[in-house]
Amino acid sequence: MNHSVIVEVTLRRGIADPQGATIERALPALGFTGVHSMRAGKLFRFDVEAADAEEARATAQSLAQRLLSNPVIEDAHVRVEEVRPA
């Protein structure tokens, strides 16, 4: 069965986020006020062939920890959805 996976990778709390800080500093000049605590991250979408959602989640979590993120400074959050045939 095919499962759609989304992995969101963000810096852990307490880790400096220069990209997020740069974006936040630019917001007032673009007319955006009241936006605070900007954090930048990465989003990965892919499909996993697995018997069930738990197997797909385990595969995606392993992939996220070993390749898509640096577990020392980043957190990876995995979401799995079953792909329904068209």
Protein backbone atom coordinates (compact mmCIF):
# COMPACT_ATOMS: atom_id res chain seq x y z
CA MET A 1 0.00 0.00 0.00
CA ASN A 2 1.25 3.48 -0.85
CA HIS A 3 1.43 6.15 1.88
CA SER A 4 2.03 9.86 1.45
CA VAL A 5 4.55 11.24 3.92
CA ILE A 6 5.35 14.77 5.02
CA VAL A 7 8.46 15.40 7.10
CA GLU A 8 8.84 18.84 8.68
CA VAL A 9 12.35 19.63 9.93
CA THR A 10 12.87 22.56 12.30
CA LEU A 11 15.69 23.76 14.50
CA ARG A 12 15.34 22.73 18.14
CA ARG A 13 14.37 25.34 20.72
CA GLY A 14 17.39 27.26 21.89
CA ILE A 15 19.26 26.85 18.59
CA ALA A 16 19.89 30.17 16.84
CA ASP A 17 17.91 30.55 13.61
CA PRO A 18 19.61 33.26 11.50
CA GLN A 19 17.33 32.66 8.51
CA GLY A 20 14.21 33.07 10.63
CA ALA A 21 15.68 36.19 12.28
CA THR A 22 16.47 37.75 8.89
CA ILE A 23 12.92 37.12 7.69
CA GLU A 24 11.46 38.57 10.89
CA ARG A 25 13.58 41.73 10.58
CA ALA A 26 12.33 42.23 6.98
CA LEU A 27 8.62 41.91 7.82
CA PRO A 28 7.92 45.50 8.98
CA ALA A 29 9.43 46.94 5.78
CA LEU A 30 6.98 44.78 3.82
CA GLY A 31 4.01 45.97 5.86
CA PHE A 32 3.66 42.94 8.12
CA THR A 33 3.26 43.92 11.75
CA GLY A 34 2.48 41.78 14.74
CA VAL A 35 4.40 38.76 13.42
CA HIS A 36 6.92 37.42 15.95
CA SER A 37 9.05 34.36 16.70
CA MET A 38 9.69 33.52 13.02
CA ARG A 39 11.46 30.18 12.57
CA ALA A 40 12.59 28.72 9.25
CA GLY A 41 12.52 25.03 8.42
CA LYS A 42 12.37 22.42 5.68
CA LEU A 43 9.46 20.36 4.39
CA PHE A 44 9.85 17.07 2.51
CA ARG A 45 7.03 15.20 0.72
CA PHE A 46 7.40 11.66 -0.59
CA ASP A 47 5.55 8.35 -0.92
CA VAL A 48 6.42 5.16 0.93
CA GLU A 49 5.32 1.67 -0.09
CA ALA A 50 4.46 -0.11 3.17
CA ALA A 51 2.01 -2.68 4.54
CA ASP A 52 0.40 -0.14 6.90
CA ALA A 53 0.72 3.41 8.22
CA GLU A 54 2.90 2.37 11.16
CA GLU A 55 5.46 0.71 8.89
CA ALA A 56 5.43 3.78 6.63
CA ARG A 57 5.91 6.03 9.69
CA ALA A 58 8.85 3.93 10.92
CA THR A 59 10.51 4.08 7.50
CA ALA A 60 9.95 7.84 7.22
CA GLN A 61 11.18 8.46 10.78
CA SER A 62 14.36 6.50 10.11
CA LEU A 63 14.90 8.39 6.84
CA ALA A 64 14.32 11.71 8.60
CA GLN A 65 16.78 10.92 11.39
CA ARG A 66 19.50 9.46 9.14
CA LEU A 67 19.33 11.74 6.09
CA LEU A 68 16.85 14.62 6.15
CA SER A 69 17.79 16.19 9.48
CA ASN A 70 20.66 16.70 11.87
CA PRO A 71 19.25 15.19 15.08
CA VAL A 72 21.77 17.12 17.20
CA ILE A 73 20.19 20.50 16.34
CA GLU A 74 16.96 19.69 14.46
CA ASP A 75 13.63 18.01 15.20
CA ALA A 76 11.80 16.03 12.52
CA HIS A 77 8.02 15.62 12.65
CA VAL A 78 6.49 12.91 10.43
CA ARG A 79 2.90 12.78 9.14
CA VAL A 80 1.63 9.77 7.16
CA GLU A 81 -1.51 9.50 5.05
CA GLU A 82 -2.75 6.59 3.01
CA VAL A 83 -2.86 7.36 -0.71
CA ARG A 84 -6.27 6.40 -2.06
CA PRO A 85 -6.42 5.06 -5.62
CA ALA A 86 -7.96 7.50 -8.12
